[in-house]
Amino acid sequence: MVTVKVSSKGQIVIPKVIREKLGIREGDELEILDFGNEIVIVPIKRNINLKGILKLEKPVKEIMEEVRKEEELEAKKWRE
């Protein structure tokens, strides 16, 4: 796990090791998904055409929200 600090302008620095691993470069766009008390940062690679490789019935964001809800329900069961 890597910890970063948020600057006074709301900025964070993605560590070099992670940028290199994911191929994130200056000017790349990242998508930030909000799942309540969690955020997920996903690199958007515009130069790679992967359209049609993975067939999903729903958008990834919707699937992730469903997974998060299921995890919360499971956690509630364990607490009770």
PDB file of N, CA and C in Angstrom:
ATOM      1  N   MET A   1       0.840  -1.169   0.000  1.00  0.00           N
ATOM      2  CA  MET A   1       0.000   0.000   0.000  1.00  0.00           C
ATOM      3  C   MET A   1       0.887   1.236   0.000  1.00  0.00           C
ATOM      4  N   VAL A   2       0.474   2.231  -0.749  1.00  0.00           N
ATOM      5  CA  VAL A   2       1.212   3.483  -0.844  1.00  0.00           C
ATOM      6  C   VAL A   2       0.342   4.588  -0.267  1.00  0.00           C
ATOM      7  N   THR A   3       0.919   5.451   0.546  1.00  0.00           N
ATOM      8  CA  THR A   3       0.198   6.575   1.130  1.00  0.00           C
ATOM      9  C   THR A   3       0.702   7.862   0.489  1.00  0.00           C
ATOM     10  N   VAL A   4      -0.229   8.740   0.140  1.00  0.00           N
ATOM     11  CA  VAL A   4       0.126  10.051  -0.407  1.00  0.00           C
ATOM     12  C   VAL A   4      -0.633  11.111   0.370  1.00  0.00           C
ATOM     13  N   LYS A   5      -0.175  12.353   0.285  1.00  0.00           N
ATOM     14  CA  LYS A   5      -0.851  13.465   0.953  1.00  0.00           C
ATOM     15  C   LYS A   5      -1.532  14.339  -0.090  1.00  0.00           C
ATOM     16  N   VAL A   6      -2.638  14.926   0.309  1.00  0.00           N
ATOM     17  CA  VAL A   6      -3.372  15.851  -0.555  1.00  0.00           C
ATOM     18  C   VAL A   6      -2.834  17.256  -0.292  1.00  0.00           C
ATOM     19  N   SER A   7      -2.508  17.972  -1.370  1.00  0.00           N
ATOM     20  CA  SER A   7      -1.978  19.332  -1.227  1.00  0.00           C
ATOM     21  C   SER A   7      -3.119  20.303  -0.910  1.00  0.00           C
ATOM     22  N   SER A   8      -2.758  21.540  -0.617  1.00  0.00           N
ATOM     23  CA  SER A   8      -3.764  22.569  -0.322  1.00  0.00           C
ATOM     24  C   SER A   8      -4.662  22.837  -1.534  1.00  0.00           C
ATOM     25  N   LYS A   9      -4.202  22.451  -2.725  1.00  0.00           N
ATOM     26  CA  LYS A   9      -4.995  22.621  -3.946  1.00  0.00           C
ATOM     27  C   LYS A   9      -5.786  21.354  -4.292  1.00  0.00           C
ATOM     28  N   GLY A  10      -5.759  20.352  -3.397  1.00  0.00           N
ATOM     29  CA  GLY A  10      -6.489  19.113  -3.641  1.00  0.00           C
ATOM     30  C   GLY A  10      -5.767  18.150  -4.565  1.00  0.00           C
ATOM     31  N   GLN A  11      -4.476  18.353  -4.759  1.00  0.00           N
ATOM     32  CA  GLN A  11      -3.705  17.511  -5.666  1.00  0.00           C
ATOM     33  C   GLN A  11      -2.985  16.406  -4.917  1.00  0.00           C
ATOM     34  N   ILE A  12      -2.766  15.276  -5.619  1.00  0.00           N
ATOM     35  CA  ILE A  12      -1.937  14.204  -5.089  1.00  0.00           C
ATOM     36  C   ILE A  12      -0.883  13.865  -6.134  1.00  0.00           C
ATOM     37  N   VAL A  13       0.190  13.232  -5.692  1.00  0.00           N
ATOM     38  CA  VAL A  13       1.233  12.774  -6.605  1.00  0.00           C
ATOM     39  C   VAL A  13       1.146  11.255  -6.651  1.00  0.00           C
ATOM     40  N   ILE A  14       1.009  10.720  -7.855  1.00  0.00           N
ATOM     41  CA  ILE A  14       1.018   9.270  -8.024  1.00  0.00           C
ATOM     42  C   ILE A  14       2.483   8.839  -8.041  1.00  0.00           C
ATOM     43  N   PRO A  15       2.867   7.958  -7.133  1.00  0.00           N
ATOM     44  CA  PRO A  15       4.271   7.552  -7.056  1.00  0.00           C
ATOM     45  C   PRO A  15       4.805   7.016  -8.386  1.00  0.00           C
ATOM     46  N   LYS A  16       6.077   7.286  -8.634  1.00  0.00           N
ATOM     47  CA  LYS A  16       6.733   6.910  -9.890  1.00  0.00           C
ATOM     48  C   LYS A  16       6.582   5.428 -10.197  1.00  0.00           C
ATOM     49  N   VAL A  17       6.759   4.588  -9.181  1.00  0.00           N
ATOM     50  CA  VAL A  17       6.667   3.137  -9.371  1.00  0.00           C
ATOM     51  C   VAL A  17       5.294   2.753  -9.945  1.00  0.00           C
ATOM     52  N   ILE A  18       4.241   3.368  -9.449  1.00  0.00           N
ATOM     53  CA  ILE A  18       2.887   3.069  -9.938  1.00  0.00           C
ATOM     54  C   ILE A  18       2.682   3.641 -11.336  1.00  0.00           C
ATOM     55  N   ARG A  19       3.161   4.892 -11.567  1.00  0.00           N
ATOM     56  CA  ARG A  19       3.034   5.491 -12.901  1.00  0.00           C
ATOM     57  C   ARG A  19       3.722   4.625 -13.944  1.00  0.00           C
ATOM     58  N   GLU A  20       4.922   4.147 -13.618  1.00  0.00           N
ATOM     59  CA  GLU A  20       5.658   3.303 -14.570  1.00  0.00           C
ATOM     60  C   GLU A  20       4.949   1.973 -14.796  1.00  0.00           C
ATOM     61  N   LYS A  21       4.476   1.363 -13.724  1.00  0.00           N
ATOM     62  CA  LYS A  21       3.793   0.070 -13.831  1.00  0.00           C
ATOM     63  C   LYS A  21       2.557   0.155 -14.723  1.00  0.00           C
ATOM     64  N   LEU A  22       1.808   1.255 -14.593  1.00  0.00           N
ATOM     65  CA  LEU A  22       0.562   1.424 -15.352  1.00  0.00           C
ATOM     66  C   LEU A  22       0.750   2.224 -16.637  1.00  0.00           C
ATOM     67  N   GLY A  23       1.960   2.698 -16.883  1.00  0.00           N
ATOM     68  CA  GLY A  23       2.223   3.452 -18.098  1.00  0.00           C
ATOM     69  C   GLY A  23       1.565   4.822 -18.117  1.00  0.00           C
ATOM     70  N   ILE A  24       1.412   5.434 -16.945  1.00  0.00           N
ATOM     71  CA  ILE A  24       0.794   6.768 -16.847  1.00  0.00           C
ATOM     72  C   ILE A  24       1.860   7.814 -17.121  1.00  0.00           C
ATOM     73  N   ARG A  25       1.554   8.703 -18.065  1.00  0.00           N
ATOM     74  CA  ARG A  25       2.504   9.765 -18.437  1.00  0.00           C
ATOM     75  C   ARG A  25       1.848  11.129 -18.324  1.00  0.00           C
ATOM     76  N   GLU A  26       2.658  12.152 -18.348  1.00  0.00           N
ATOM     77  CA  GLU A  26       2.159  13.527 -18.291  1.00  0.00           C
ATOM     78  C   GLU A  26       1.116  13.737 -19.391  1.00  0.00           C
ATOM     79  N   GLY A  27       0.006  14.321 -19.022  1.00  0.00           N
ATOM     80  CA  GLY A  27      -1.050  14.600 -19.987  1.00  0.00           C
ATOM     81  C   GLY A  27      -2.090  13.497 -20.100  1.00  0.00           C
ATOM     82  N   ASP A  28      -1.802  12.313 -19.562  1.00  0.00           N
ATOM     83  CA  ASP A  28      -2.788  11.228 -19.593  1.00  0.00           C
ATOM     84  C   ASP A  28      -4.003  11.614 -18.750  1.00  0.00           C
ATOM     85  N   GLU A  29      -5.144  11.067 -19.129  1.00  0.00           N
ATOM     86  CA  GLU A  29      -6.363  11.309 -18.362  1.00  0.00           C
ATOM     87  C   GLU A  29      -6.625  10.116 -17.454  1.00  0.00           C
ATOM     88  N   LEU A  30      -7.152  10.415 -16.273  1.00  0.00           N
ATOM     89  CA  LEU A  30      -7.507   9.390 -15.297  1.00  0.00           C
ATOM     90  C   LEU A  30      -8.979   9.584 -14.949  1.00  0.00           C
ATOM     91  N   GLU A  31      -9.690   8.483 -14.782  1.00  0.00           N
ATOM     92  CA  GLU A  31     -11.084   8.547 -14.360  1.00  0.00           C
ATOM     93  C   GLU A  31     -11.126   8.275 -12.868  1.00  0.00           C
ATOM     94  N   ILE A  32     -11.901   9.089 -12.140  1.00  0.00           N
ATOM     95  CA  ILE A  32     -12.050   8.891 -10.705  1.00  0.00           C
ATOM     96  C   ILE A  32     -13.469   8.417 -10.444  1.00  0.00           C
ATOM     97  N   LEU A  33     -13.585   7.214  -9.874  1.00  0.00           N
ATOM     98  CA  LEU A  33     -14.881   6.630  -9.553  1.00  0.00           C
ATOM     99  C   LEU A  33     -15.121   6.793  -8.059  1.00  0.00           C
ATOM    100  N   ASP A  34     -16.307   7.277  -7.701  1.00  0.00           N
ATOM    101  CA  ASP A  34     -16.670   7.538  -6.310  1.00  0.00           C
ATOM    102  C   ASP A  34     -17.604   6.440  -5.820  1.00  0.00           C
ATOM    103  N   PHE A  35     -17.164   5.693  -4.814  1.00  0.00           N
ATOM    104  CA  PHE A  35     -17.964   4.626  -4.227  1.00  0.00           C
ATOM    105  C   PHE A  35     -18.233   4.920  -2.757  1.00  0.00           C
ATOM    106  N   GLY A  36     -18.765   6.092  -2.478  1.00  0.00           N
ATOM    107  CA  GLY A  36     -19.072   6.447  -1.087  1.00  0.00           C
ATOM    108  C   GLY A  36     -17.810   6.795  -0.337  1.00  0.00           C
ATOM    109  N   ASN A  37     -17.336   5.875   0.492  1.00  0.00           N
ATOM    110  CA  ASN A  37     -16.135   6.170   1.279  1.00  0.00           C
ATOM    111  C   ASN A  37     -14.860   5.671   0.607  1.00  0.00           C
ATOM    112  N   GLU A  38     -14.946   5.300  -0.660  1.00  0.00           N
ATOM    113  CA  GLU A  38     -13.782   4.858  -1.431  1.00  0.00           C
ATOM    114  C   GLU A  38     -13.760   5.548  -2.780  1.00  0.00           C
ATOM    115  N   ILE A  39     -12.558   5.789  -3.287  1.00  0.00           N
ATOM    116  CA  ILE A  39     -12.416   6.246  -4.665  1.00  0.00           C
ATOM    117  C   ILE A  39     -11.476   5.289  -5.385  1.00  0.00           C
ATOM    118  N   VAL A  40     -11.702   5.148  -6.675  1.00  0.00           N
ATOM    119  CA  VAL A  40     -10.840   4.316  -7.515  1.00  0.00           C
ATOM    120  C   VAL A  40     -10.383   5.188  -8.670  1.00  0.00           C
ATOM    121  N   ILE A  41      -9.086   5.217  -8.913  1.00  0.00           N
ATOM    122  CA  ILE A  41      -8.520   6.015 -10.000  1.00  0.00           C
ATOM    123  C   ILE A  41      -8.109   5.054 -11.111  1.00  0.00           C
ATOM    124  N   VAL A  42      -8.665   5.280 -12.300  1.00  0.00           N
ATOM    125  CA  VAL A  42      -8.434   4.373 -13.419  1.00  0.00           C
ATOM    126  C   VAL A  42      -7.824   5.150 -14.582  1.00  0.00           C
ATOM    127  N   PRO A  43      -6.658   4.717 -15.074  1.00  0.00           N
ATOM    128  CA  PRO A  43      -6.076   5.386 -16.237  1.00  0.00           C
ATOM    129  C   PRO A  43      -6.945   5.170 -17.474  1.00  0.00           C
ATOM    130  N   ILE A  44      -7.105   6.211 -18.267  1.00  0.00           N
ATOM    131  CA  ILE A  44      -7.844   6.123 -19.528  1.00  0.00           C
ATOM    132  C   ILE A  44      -6.808   6.118 -20.641  1.00  0.00           C
ATOM    133  N   LYS A  45      -6.695   5.007 -21.319  1.00  0.00           N
ATOM    134  CA  LYS A  45      -5.738   4.897 -22.417  1.00  0.00           C
ATOM    135  C   LYS A  45      -6.484   5.098 -23.731  1.00  0.00           C
ATOM    136  N   ARG A  46      -6.329   6.254 -24.313  1.00  0.00           N
ATOM    137  CA  ARG A  46      -7.039   6.607 -25.542  1.00  0.00           C
ATOM    138  C   ARG A  46      -6.386   6.001 -26.790  1.00  0.00           C
ATOM    139  N   ASN A  47      -5.090   5.721 -26.718  1.00  0.00           N
ATOM    140  CA  ASN A  47      -4.385   5.266 -27.915  1.00  0.00           C
ATOM    141  C   ASN A  47      -4.462   3.748 -28.123  1.00  0.00           C
ATOM    142  N   ILE A  48      -5.081   3.041 -27.208  1.00  0.00           N
ATOM    143  CA  ILE A  48      -5.218   1.594 -27.342  1.00  0.00           C
ATOM    144  C   ILE A  48      -6.684   1.276 -27.589  1.00  0.00           C
ATOM    145  N   ASN A  49      -6.972   0.601 -28.684  1.00  0.00           N
ATOM    146  CA  ASN A  49      -8.350   0.275 -29.006  1.00  0.00           C
ATOM    147  C   ASN A  49      -8.684  -1.134 -28.527  1.00  0.00           C
ATOM    148  N   LEU A  50      -9.364  -1.203 -27.408  1.00  0.00           N
ATOM    149  CA  LEU A  50      -9.758  -2.486 -26.841  1.00  0.00           C
ATOM    150  C   LEU A  50     -11.268  -2.715 -26.979  1.00  0.00           C
ATOM    151  N   LYS A  51     -11.920  -1.817 -27.698  1.00  0.00           N
ATOM    152  CA  LYS A  51     -13.366  -1.915 -27.834  1.00  0.00           C
ATOM    153  C   LYS A  51     -13.749  -3.265 -28.441  1.00  0.00           C
ATOM    154  N   GLY A  52     -14.685  -3.929 -27.777  1.00  0.00           N
ATOM    155  CA  GLY A  52     -15.189  -5.191 -28.271  1.00  0.00           C
ATOM    156  C   GLY A  52     -14.480  -6.418 -27.718  1.00  0.00           C
ATOM    157  N   ILE A  53     -13.356  -6.214 -27.008  1.00  0.00           N
ATOM    158  CA  ILE A  53     -12.631  -7.351 -26.453  1.00  0.00           C
ATOM    159  C   ILE A  53     -13.400  -7.966 -25.287  1.00  0.00           C
ATOM    160  N   LEU A  54     -13.986  -7.117 -24.452  1.00  0.00           N
ATOM    161  CA  LEU A  54     -14.701  -7.576 -23.276  1.00  0.00           C
ATOM    162  C   LEU A  54     -16.177  -7.219 -23.435  1.00  0.00           C
ATOM    163  N   LYS A  55     -17.025  -8.198 -23.372  1.00  0.00           N
ATOM    164  CA  LYS A  55     -18.465  -7.969 -23.527  1.00  0.00           C
ATOM    165  C   LYS A  55     -19.107  -7.971 -22.146  1.00  0.00           C
ATOM    166  N   LEU A  56     -19.601  -6.824 -21.717  1.00  0.00           N
ATOM    167  CA  LEU A  56     -20.271  -6.696 -20.430  1.00  0.00           C
ATOM    168  C   LEU A  56     -21.733  -6.331 -20.645  1.00  0.00           C
ATOM    169  N   GLU A  57     -22.571  -6.812 -19.765  1.00  0.00           N
ATOM    170  CA  GLU A  57     -23.997  -6.494 -19.854  1.00  0.00           C
ATOM    171  C   GLU A  57     -24.295  -5.110 -19.293  1.00  0.00           C
ATOM    172  N   LYS A  58     -23.391  -4.600 -18.412  1.00  0.00           N
ATOM    173  CA  LYS A  58     -23.592  -3.311 -17.745  1.00  0.00           C
ATOM    174  C   LYS A  58     -22.287  -2.532 -17.782  1.00  0.00           C
ATOM    175  N   PRO A  59     -22.365  -1.203 -17.571  1.00  0.00           N
ATOM    176  CA  PRO A  59     -21.130  -0.415 -17.470  1.00  0.00           C
ATOM    177  C   PRO A  59     -20.314  -0.842 -16.249  1.00  0.00           C
ATOM    178  N   VAL A  60     -18.997  -0.711 -16.341  1.00  0.00           N
ATOM    179  CA  VAL A  60     -18.099  -1.112 -15.265  1.00  0.00           C
ATOM    180  C   VAL A  60     -18.468  -0.398 -13.964  1.00  0.00           C
ATOM    181  N   LYS A  61     -18.793   0.883 -14.037  1.00  0.00           N
ATOM    182  CA  LYS A  61     -19.130   1.641 -12.825  1.00  0.00           C
ATOM    183  C   LYS A  61     -20.324   1.006 -12.117  1.00  0.00           C
ATOM    184  N   GLU A  62     -21.324   0.612 -12.872  1.00  0.00           N
ATOM    185  CA  GLU A  62     -22.514  -0.014 -12.289  1.00  0.00           C
ATOM    186  C   GLU A  62     -22.153  -1.362 -11.646  1.00  0.00           C
ATOM    187  N   ILE A  63     -21.320  -2.130 -12.306  1.00  0.00           N
ATOM    188  CA  ILE A  63     -20.883  -3.418 -11.761  1.00  0.00           C
ATOM    189  C   ILE A  63     -20.120  -3.202 -10.449  1.00  0.00           C
ATOM    190  N   MET A  64     -19.219  -2.214 -10.444  1.00  0.00           N
ATOM    191  CA  MET A  64     -18.438  -1.930  -9.237  1.00  0.00           C
ATOM    192  C   MET A  64     -19.344  -1.492  -8.082  1.00  0.00           C
ATOM    193  N   GLU A  65     -20.372  -0.702  -8.377  1.00  0.00           N
ATOM    194  CA  GLU A  65     -21.307  -0.273  -7.339  1.00  0.00           C
ATOM    195  C   GLU A  65     -22.049  -1.479  -6.758  1.00  0.00           C
ATOM    196  N   GLU A  66     -22.444  -2.408  -7.608  1.00  0.00           N
ATOM    197  CA  GLU A  66     -23.128  -3.611  -7.141  1.00  0.00           C
ATOM    198  C   GLU A  66     -22.205  -4.456  -6.261  1.00  0.00           C
ATOM    199  N   VAL A  67     -20.959  -4.586  -6.678  1.00  0.00           N
ATOM    200  CA  VAL A  67     -19.989  -5.357  -5.895  1.00  0.00           C
ATOM    201  C   VAL A  67     -19.797  -4.714  -4.525  1.00  0.00           C
ATOM    202  N   ARG A  68     -19.650  -3.399  -4.499  1.00  0.00           N
ATOM    203  CA  ARG A  68     -19.465  -2.675  -3.236  1.00  0.00           C
ATOM    204  C   ARG A  68     -20.668  -2.895  -2.320  1.00  0.00           C
ATOM    205  N   LYS A  69     -21.893  -2.835  -2.854  1.00  0.00           N
ATOM    206  CA  LYS A  69     -23.099  -3.061  -2.044  1.00  0.00           C
ATOM    207  C   LYS A  69     -23.120  -4.480  -1.484  1.00  0.00           C
ATOM    208  N   GLU A  70     -22.747  -5.445  -2.307  1.00  0.00           N
ATOM    209  CA  GLU A  70     -22.694  -6.832  -1.838  1.00  0.00           C
ATOM    210  C   GLU A  70     -21.663  -6.994  -0.724  1.00  0.00           C
ATOM    211  N   GLU A  71     -20.524  -6.347  -0.869  1.00  0.00           N
ATOM    212  CA  GLU A  71     -19.491  -6.421   0.168  1.00  0.00           C
ATOM    213  C   GLU A  71     -19.975  -5.798   1.468  1.00  0.00           C
ATOM    214  N   GLU A  72     -20.702  -4.680   1.371  1.00  0.00           N
ATOM    215  CA  GLU A  72     -21.236  -4.026   2.562  1.00  0.00           C
ATOM    216  C   GLU A  72     -22.255  -4.923   3.255  1.00  0.00           C
ATOM    217  N   LEU A  73     -23.113  -5.607   2.483  1.00  0.00           N
ATOM    218  CA  LEU A  73     -24.085  -6.517   3.078  1.00  0.00           C
ATOM    219  C   LEU A  73     -23.388  -7.678   3.777  1.00  0.00           C
ATOM    220  N   GLU A  74     -22.347  -8.229   3.170  1.00  0.00           N
ATOM    221  CA  GLU A  74     -21.594  -9.313   3.779  1.00  0.00           C
ATOM    222  C   GLU A  74     -20.936  -8.844   5.079  1.00  0.00           C
ATOM    223  N   ALA A  75     -20.387  -7.646   5.056  1.00  0.00           N
ATOM    224  CA  ALA A  75     -19.740  -7.102   6.253  1.00  0.00           C
ATOM    225  C   ALA A  75     -20.765  -6.928   7.382  1.00  0.00           C
ATOM    226  N   LYS A  76     -21.985  -6.490   7.029  1.00  0.00           N
ATOM    227  CA  LYS A  76     -23.053  -6.339   8.034  1.00  0.00           C
ATOM    228  C   LYS A  76     -23.393  -7.680   8.657  1.00  0.00           C
ATOM    229  N   LYS A  77     -23.461  -8.725   7.839  1.00  0.00           N
ATOM    230  CA  LYS A  77     -23.780 -10.054   8.342  1.00  0.00           C
ATOM    231  C   LYS A  77     -22.746 -10.502   9.367  1.00  0.00           C
ATOM    232  N   TRP A  78     -21.485 -10.231   9.104  1.00  0.00           N
ATOM    233  CA  TRP A  78     -20.424 -10.648  10.011  1.00  0.00           C
ATOM    234  C   TRP A  78     -20.451  -9.851  11.316  1.00  0.00           C
ATOM    235  N   ARG A  79     -20.908  -8.591  11.244  1.00  0.00           N
ATOM    236  CA  ARG A  79     -20.963  -7.759  12.447  1.00  0.00           C
ATOM    237  C   ARG A  79     -22.133  -8.141  13.353  1.00  0.00           C
ATOM    238  N   GLU A  80     -23.184  -8.681  12.761  1.00  0.00           N
ATOM    239  CA  GLU A  80     -24.383  -9.017  13.539  1.00  0.00           C
ATOM    240  C   GLU A  80     -24.255 -10.305  14.288  1.00  0.00           C
TER     241      GLU A  80
END
